[in-house]
Amino acid sequence: MLIGIIQSEWCYRKISEETNLSKIDILLKKGRILLGAILIIIEIVIRMLYPLMFKLYAALFSK
């Protein structure tokens, strides 16, 4: 009976560790998506504020 209790506790720990890892993975994926969205917004704002800089860069390196 003691072996059964230990085995069930071990199985419970494995399941809870997997769910904790999956929660961490989900948070990391959400963080990565959020960071990407922030970088895209920053790029759009910079392009709107300094459009001449990007036109000159394209003209210089298009040859």
PDB file of N, CA and C in Angstrom:
ATOM      1  N   MET A   1       0.818  -1.190   0.000  1.00  0.00           N
ATOM      2  CA  MET A   1       0.000   0.000   0.000  1.00  0.00           C
ATOM      3  C   MET A   1       0.868   1.263   0.000  1.00  0.00           C
ATOM      4  N   LEU A   2       1.959   1.229   0.722  1.00  0.00           N
ATOM      5  CA  LEU A   2       2.863   2.378   0.756  1.00  0.00           C
ATOM      6  C   LEU A   2       3.447   2.644  -0.626  1.00  0.00           C
ATOM      7  N   ILE A   3       3.766   1.579  -1.363  1.00  0.00           N
ATOM      8  CA  ILE A   3       4.310   1.738  -2.712  1.00  0.00           C
ATOM      9  C   ILE A   3       3.279   2.415  -3.615  1.00  0.00           C
ATOM     10  N   GLY A   4       2.019   2.039  -3.485  1.00  0.00           N
ATOM     11  CA  GLY A   4       0.959   2.659  -4.286  1.00  0.00           C
ATOM     12  C   GLY A   4       0.820   4.144  -4.003  1.00  0.00           C
ATOM     13  N   ILE A   5       0.922   4.525  -2.739  1.00  0.00           N
ATOM     14  CA  ILE A   5       0.826   5.946  -2.370  1.00  0.00           C
ATOM     15  C   ILE A   5       2.003   6.724  -2.956  1.00  0.00           C
ATOM     16  N   ILE A   6       3.193   6.156  -2.858  1.00  0.00           N
ATOM     17  CA  ILE A   6       4.384   6.824  -3.399  1.00  0.00           C
ATOM     18  C   ILE A   6       4.272   6.961  -4.915  1.00  0.00           C
ATOM     19  N   GLN A   7       3.797   5.907  -5.588  1.00  0.00           N
ATOM     20  CA  GLN A   7       3.656   5.971  -7.040  1.00  0.00           C
ATOM     21  C   GLN A   7       2.624   7.018  -7.453  1.00  0.00           C
ATOM     22  N   SER A   8       1.503   7.085  -6.746  1.00  0.00           N
ATOM     23  CA  SER A   8       0.482   8.069  -7.105  1.00  0.00           C
ATOM     24  C   SER A   8       0.992   9.491  -6.859  1.00  0.00           C
ATOM     25  N   GLU A   9       1.763   9.687  -5.786  1.00  0.00           N
ATOM     26  CA  GLU A   9       2.342  11.007  -5.514  1.00  0.00           C
ATOM     27  C   GLU A   9       3.344  11.378  -6.602  1.00  0.00           C
ATOM     28  N   TRP A  10       4.130  10.409  -7.051  1.00  0.00           N
ATOM     29  CA  TRP A  10       5.114  10.665  -8.104  1.00  0.00           C
ATOM     30  C   TRP A  10       4.412  11.027  -9.412  1.00  0.00           C
ATOM     31  N   CYS A  11       3.342  10.321  -9.731  1.00  0.00           N
ATOM     32  CA  CYS A  11       2.578  10.634 -10.945  1.00  0.00           C
ATOM     33  C   CYS A  11       1.973  12.030 -10.843  1.00  0.00           C
ATOM     34  N   TYR A  12       1.465  12.384  -9.671  1.00  0.00           N
ATOM     35  CA  TYR A  12       0.885  13.716  -9.479  1.00  0.00           C
ATOM     36  C   TYR A  12       1.953  14.791  -9.666  1.00  0.00           C
ATOM     37  N   ARG A  13       3.139  14.561  -9.144  1.00  0.00           N
ATOM     38  CA  ARG A  13       4.216  15.543  -9.286  1.00  0.00           C
ATOM     39  C   ARG A  13       4.616  15.699 -10.748  1.00  0.00           C
ATOM     40  N   LYS A  14       4.676  14.597 -11.482  1.00  0.00           N
ATOM     41  CA  LYS A  14       5.044  14.688 -12.892  1.00  0.00           C
ATOM     42  C   LYS A  14       4.031  15.531 -13.655  1.00  0.00           C
ATOM     43  N   ILE A  15       2.746  15.315 -13.378  1.00  0.00           N
ATOM     44  CA  ILE A  15       1.702  16.058 -14.080  1.00  0.00           C
ATOM     45  C   ILE A  15       1.770  17.538 -13.713  1.00  0.00           C
ATOM     46  N   SER A  16       1.936  17.855 -12.434  1.00  0.00           N
ATOM     47  CA  SER A  16       1.970  19.262 -12.025  1.00  0.00           C
ATOM     48  C   SER A  16       3.215  19.961 -12.572  1.00  0.00           C
ATOM     49  N   GLU A  17       4.357  19.268 -12.647  1.00  0.00           N
ATOM     50  CA  GLU A  17       5.559  19.865 -13.220  1.00  0.00           C
ATOM     51  C   GLU A  17       5.361  20.148 -14.699  1.00  0.00           C
ATOM     52  N   GLU A  18       4.677  19.242 -15.412  1.00  0.00           N
ATOM     53  CA  GLU A  18       4.434  19.466 -16.834  1.00  0.00           C
ATOM     54  C   GLU A  18       3.515  20.657 -17.045  1.00  0.00           C
ATOM     55  N   THR A  19       2.493  20.800 -16.209  1.00  0.00           N
ATOM     56  CA  THR A  19       1.600  21.946 -16.372  1.00  0.00           C
ATOM     57  C   THR A  19       2.312  23.246 -16.034  1.00  0.00           C
ATOM     58  N   ASN A  20       3.200  23.229 -15.040  1.00  0.00           N
ATOM     59  CA  ASN A  20       3.963  24.441 -14.731  1.00  0.00           C
ATOM     60  C   ASN A  20       4.880  24.810 -15.883  1.00  0.00           C
ATOM     61  N   LEU A  21       5.536  23.812 -16.489  1.00  0.00           N
ATOM     62  CA  LEU A  21       6.400  24.089 -17.626  1.00  0.00           C
ATOM     63  C   LEU A  21       5.596  24.613 -18.800  1.00  0.00           C
ATOM     64  N   SER A  22       4.414  24.055 -19.026  1.00  0.00           N
ATOM     65  CA  SER A  22       3.614  24.530 -20.145  1.00  0.00           C
ATOM     66  C   SER A  22       3.139  25.958 -19.887  1.00  0.00           C
ATOM     67  N   LYS A  23       2.851  26.306 -18.627  1.00  0.00           N
ATOM     68  CA  LYS A  23       2.467  27.684 -18.315  1.00  0.00           C
ATOM     69  C   LYS A  23       3.627  28.632 -18.588  1.00  0.00           C
ATOM     70  N   ILE A  24       4.834  28.214 -18.236  1.00  0.00           N
ATOM     71  CA  ILE A  24       6.010  29.040 -18.498  1.00  0.00           C
ATOM     72  C   ILE A  24       6.206  29.203 -19.997  1.00  0.00           C
ATOM     73  N   ASP A  25       6.042  28.127 -20.763  1.00  0.00           N
ATOM     74  CA  ASP A  25       6.174  28.215 -22.214  1.00  0.00           C
ATOM     75  C   ASP A  25       5.146  29.161 -22.806  1.00  0.00           C
ATOM     76  N   ILE A  26       3.919  29.110 -22.304  1.00  0.00           N
ATOM     77  CA  ILE A  26       2.865  29.997 -22.802  1.00  0.00           C
ATOM     78  C   ILE A  26       3.220  31.449 -22.495  1.00  0.00           C
ATOM     79  N   LEU A  27       3.714  31.710 -21.287  1.00  0.00           N
ATOM     80  CA  LEU A  27       4.108  33.080 -20.933  1.00  0.00           C
ATOM     81  C   LEU A  27       5.257  33.576 -21.805  1.00  0.00           C
ATOM     82  N   LEU A  28       6.226  32.697 -22.090  1.00  0.00           N
ATOM     83  CA  LEU A  28       7.340  33.098 -22.943  1.00  0.00           C
ATOM     84  C   LEU A  28       6.871  33.404 -24.357  1.00  0.00           C
ATOM     85  N   LYS A  29       5.945  32.585 -24.875  1.00  0.00           N
ATOM     86  CA  LYS A  29       5.425  32.838 -26.220  1.00  0.00           C
ATOM     87  C   LYS A  29       4.655  34.145 -26.267  1.00  0.00           C
ATOM     88  N   LYS A  30       3.843  34.412 -25.241  1.00  0.00           N
ATOM     89  CA  LYS A  30       3.100  35.674 -25.199  1.00  0.00           C
ATOM     90  C   LYS A  30       4.063  36.853 -25.098  1.00  0.00           C
ATOM     91  N   GLY A  31       5.105  36.706 -24.307  1.00  0.00           N
ATOM     92  CA  GLY A  31       6.096  37.769 -24.178  1.00  0.00           C
ATOM     93  C   GLY A  31       6.815  38.035 -25.484  1.00  0.00           C
ATOM     94  N   ARG A  32       7.134  36.976 -26.211  1.00  0.00           N
ATOM     95  CA  ARG A  32       7.805  37.127 -27.496  1.00  0.00           C
ATOM     96  C   ARG A  32       6.898  37.828 -28.507  1.00  0.00           C
ATOM     97  N   ILE A  33       5.613  37.461 -28.507  1.00  0.00           N
ATOM     98  CA  ILE A  33       4.656  38.101 -29.410  1.00  0.00           C
ATOM     99  C   ILE A  33       4.502  39.576 -29.055  1.00  0.00           C
ATOM    100  N   LEU A  34       4.405  39.871 -27.769  1.00  0.00           N
ATOM    101  CA  LEU A  34       4.261  41.258 -27.321  1.00  0.00           C
ATOM    102  C   LEU A  34       5.491  42.081 -27.683  1.00  0.00           C
ATOM    103  N   LEU A  35       6.672  41.518 -27.502  1.00  0.00           N
ATOM    104  CA  LEU A  35       7.904  42.221 -27.852  1.00  0.00           C
ATOM    105  C   LEU A  35       7.961  42.495 -29.352  1.00  0.00           C
ATOM    106  N   GLY A  36       7.552  41.526 -30.161  1.00  0.00           N
ATOM    107  CA  GLY A  36       7.520  41.726 -31.608  1.00  0.00           C
ATOM    108  C   GLY A  36       6.565  42.836 -32.002  1.00  0.00           C
ATOM    109  N   ALA A  37       5.397  42.872 -31.378  1.00  0.00           N
ATOM    110  CA  ALA A  37       4.421  43.926 -31.680  1.00  0.00           C
ATOM    111  C   ALA A  37       4.964  45.297 -31.286  1.00  0.00           C
ATOM    112  N   ILE A  38       5.631  45.374 -30.146  1.00  0.00           N
ATOM    113  CA  ILE A  38       6.213  46.650 -29.705  1.00  0.00           C
ATOM    114  C   ILE A  38       7.287  47.114 -30.681  1.00  0.00           C
ATOM    115  N   LEU A  39       8.132  46.189 -31.146  1.00  0.00           N
ATOM    116  CA  LEU A  39       9.180  46.565 -32.097  1.00  0.00           C
ATOM    117  C   LEU A  39       8.596  47.043 -33.419  1.00  0.00           C
ATOM    118  N   ILE A  40       7.524  46.407 -33.880  1.00  0.00           N
ATOM    119  CA  ILE A  40       6.877  46.842 -35.123  1.00  0.00           C
ATOM    120  C   ILE A  40       6.307  48.249 -34.962  1.00  0.00           C
ATOM    121  N   ILE A  41       5.671  48.515 -33.834  1.00  0.00           N
ATOM    122  CA  ILE A  41       5.112  49.853 -33.590  1.00  0.00           C
ATOM    123  C   ILE A  41       6.225  50.894 -33.531  1.00  0.00           C
ATOM    124  N   ILE A  42       7.332  50.574 -32.878  1.00  0.00           N
ATOM    125  CA  ILE A  42       8.464  51.506 -32.800  1.00  0.00           C
ATOM    126  C   ILE A  42       9.014  51.784 -34.194  1.00  0.00           C
ATOM    127  N   GLU A  43       9.133  50.747 -35.015  1.00  0.00           N
ATOM    128  CA  GLU A  43       9.638  50.935 -36.375  1.00  0.00           C
ATOM    129  C   GLU A  43       8.714  51.834 -37.183  1.00  0.00           C
ATOM    130  N   ILE A  44       7.410  51.636 -37.065  1.00  0.00           N
ATOM    131  CA  ILE A  44       6.447  52.469 -37.795  1.00  0.00           C
ATOM    132  C   ILE A  44       6.553  53.925 -37.347  1.00  0.00           C
ATOM    133  N   VAL A  45       6.673  54.150 -36.045  1.00  0.00           N
ATOM    134  CA  VAL A  45       6.788  55.522 -35.530  1.00  0.00           C
ATOM    135  C   VAL A  45       8.066  56.177 -36.031  1.00  0.00           C
ATOM    136  N   ILE A  46       9.175  55.455 -36.021  1.00  0.00           N
ATOM    137  CA  ILE A  46      10.445  56.018 -36.501  1.00  0.00           C
ATOM    138  C   ILE A  46      10.351  56.332 -37.985  1.00  0.00           C
ATOM    139  N   ARG A  47       9.729  55.450 -38.757  1.00  0.00           N
ATOM    140  CA  ARG A  47       9.580  55.714 -40.193  1.00  0.00           C
ATOM    141  C   ARG A  47       8.686  56.924 -40.449  1.00  0.00           C
ATOM    142  N   MET A  48       7.698  57.145 -39.599  1.00  0.00           N
ATOM    143  CA  MET A  48       6.833  58.320 -39.769  1.00  0.00           C
ATOM    144  C   MET A  48       7.556  59.602 -39.358  1.00  0.00           C
ATOM    145  N   LEU A  49       8.391  59.533 -38.322  1.00  0.00           N
ATOM    146  CA  LEU A  49       9.095  60.723 -37.859  1.00  0.00           C
ATOM    147  C   LEU A  49      10.277  61.095 -38.757  1.00  0.00           C
ATOM    148  N   TYR A  50      10.980  60.106 -39.288  1.00  0.00           N
ATOM    149  CA  TYR A  50      12.176  60.351 -40.094  1.00  0.00           C
ATOM    150  C   TYR A  50      12.080  59.644 -41.445  1.00  0.00           C
ATOM    151  N   PRO A  51      11.147  60.029 -42.309  1.00  0.00           N
ATOM    152  CA  PRO A  51      11.005  59.324 -43.589  1.00  0.00           C
ATOM    153  C   PRO A  51      12.181  59.569 -44.528  1.00  0.00           C
ATOM    154  N   LEU A  52      12.807  60.746 -44.427  1.00  0.00           N
ATOM    155  CA  LEU A  52      13.910  61.076 -45.320  1.00  0.00           C
ATOM    156  C   LEU A  52      15.101  60.144 -45.098  1.00  0.00           C
ATOM    157  N   MET A  53      15.332  59.755 -43.865  1.00  0.00           N
ATOM    158  CA  MET A  53      16.455  58.886 -43.549  1.00  0.00           C
ATOM    159  C   MET A  53      16.340  57.556 -44.300  1.00  0.00           C
ATOM    160  N   PHE A  54      15.142  56.997 -44.383  1.00  0.00           N
ATOM    161  CA  PHE A  54      14.965  55.716 -45.048  1.00  0.00           C
ATOM    162  C   PHE A  54      15.025  55.864 -46.564  1.00  0.00           C
ATOM    163  N   LYS A  55      14.580  57.013 -47.085  1.00  0.00           N
ATOM    164  CA  LYS A  55      14.658  57.236 -48.530  1.00  0.00           C
ATOM    165  C   LYS A  55      16.108  57.385 -48.967  1.00  0.00           C
ATOM    166  N   LEU A  56      16.913  58.114 -48.191  1.00  0.00           N
ATOM    167  CA  LEU A  56      18.327  58.268 -48.518  1.00  0.00           C
ATOM    168  C   LEU A  56      19.057  56.933 -48.438  1.00  0.00           C
ATOM    169  N   TYR A  57      18.747  56.159 -47.437  1.00  0.00           N
ATOM    170  CA  TYR A  57      19.373  54.845 -47.278  1.00  0.00           C
ATOM    171  C   TYR A  57      19.047  53.959 -48.476  1.00  0.00           C
ATOM    172  N   ALA A  58      17.799  53.968 -48.914  1.00  0.00           N
ATOM    173  CA  ALA A  58      17.389  53.154 -50.054  1.00  0.00           C
ATOM    174  C   ALA A  58      18.054  53.650 -51.330  1.00  0.00           C
ATOM    175  N   ALA A  59      18.192  54.968 -51.486  1.00  0.00           N
ATOM    176  CA  ALA A  59      18.810  55.523 -52.687  1.00  0.00           C
ATOM    177  C   ALA A  59      20.304  55.205 -52.732  1.00  0.00           C
ATOM    178  N   LEU A  60      20.971  55.244 -51.601  1.00  0.00           N
ATOM    179  CA  LEU A  60      22.410  54.989 -51.574  1.00  0.00           C
ATOM    180  C   LEU A  60      22.751  53.526 -51.853  1.00  0.00           C
ATOM    181  N   PHE A  61      21.964  52.622 -51.327  1.00  0.00           N
ATOM    182  CA  PHE A  61      22.314  51.207 -51.417  1.00  0.00           C
ATOM    183  C   PHE A  61      21.522  50.441 -52.465  1.00  0.00           C
ATOM    184  N   SER A  62      20.772  51.137 -53.318  1.00  0.00           N
ATOM    185  CA  SER A  62      20.004  50.426 -54.342  1.00  0.00           C
ATOM    186  C   SER A  62      20.830  50.153 -55.587  1.00  0.00           C
ATOM    187  N   LYS A  63      22.008  50.777 -55.726  1.00  0.00           N
ATOM    188  CA  LYS A  63      22.828  50.615 -56.936  1.00  0.00           C
ATOM    189  C   LYS A  63      23.632  49.360 -56.924  1.00  0.00           C
TER     190      LYS A  63
END
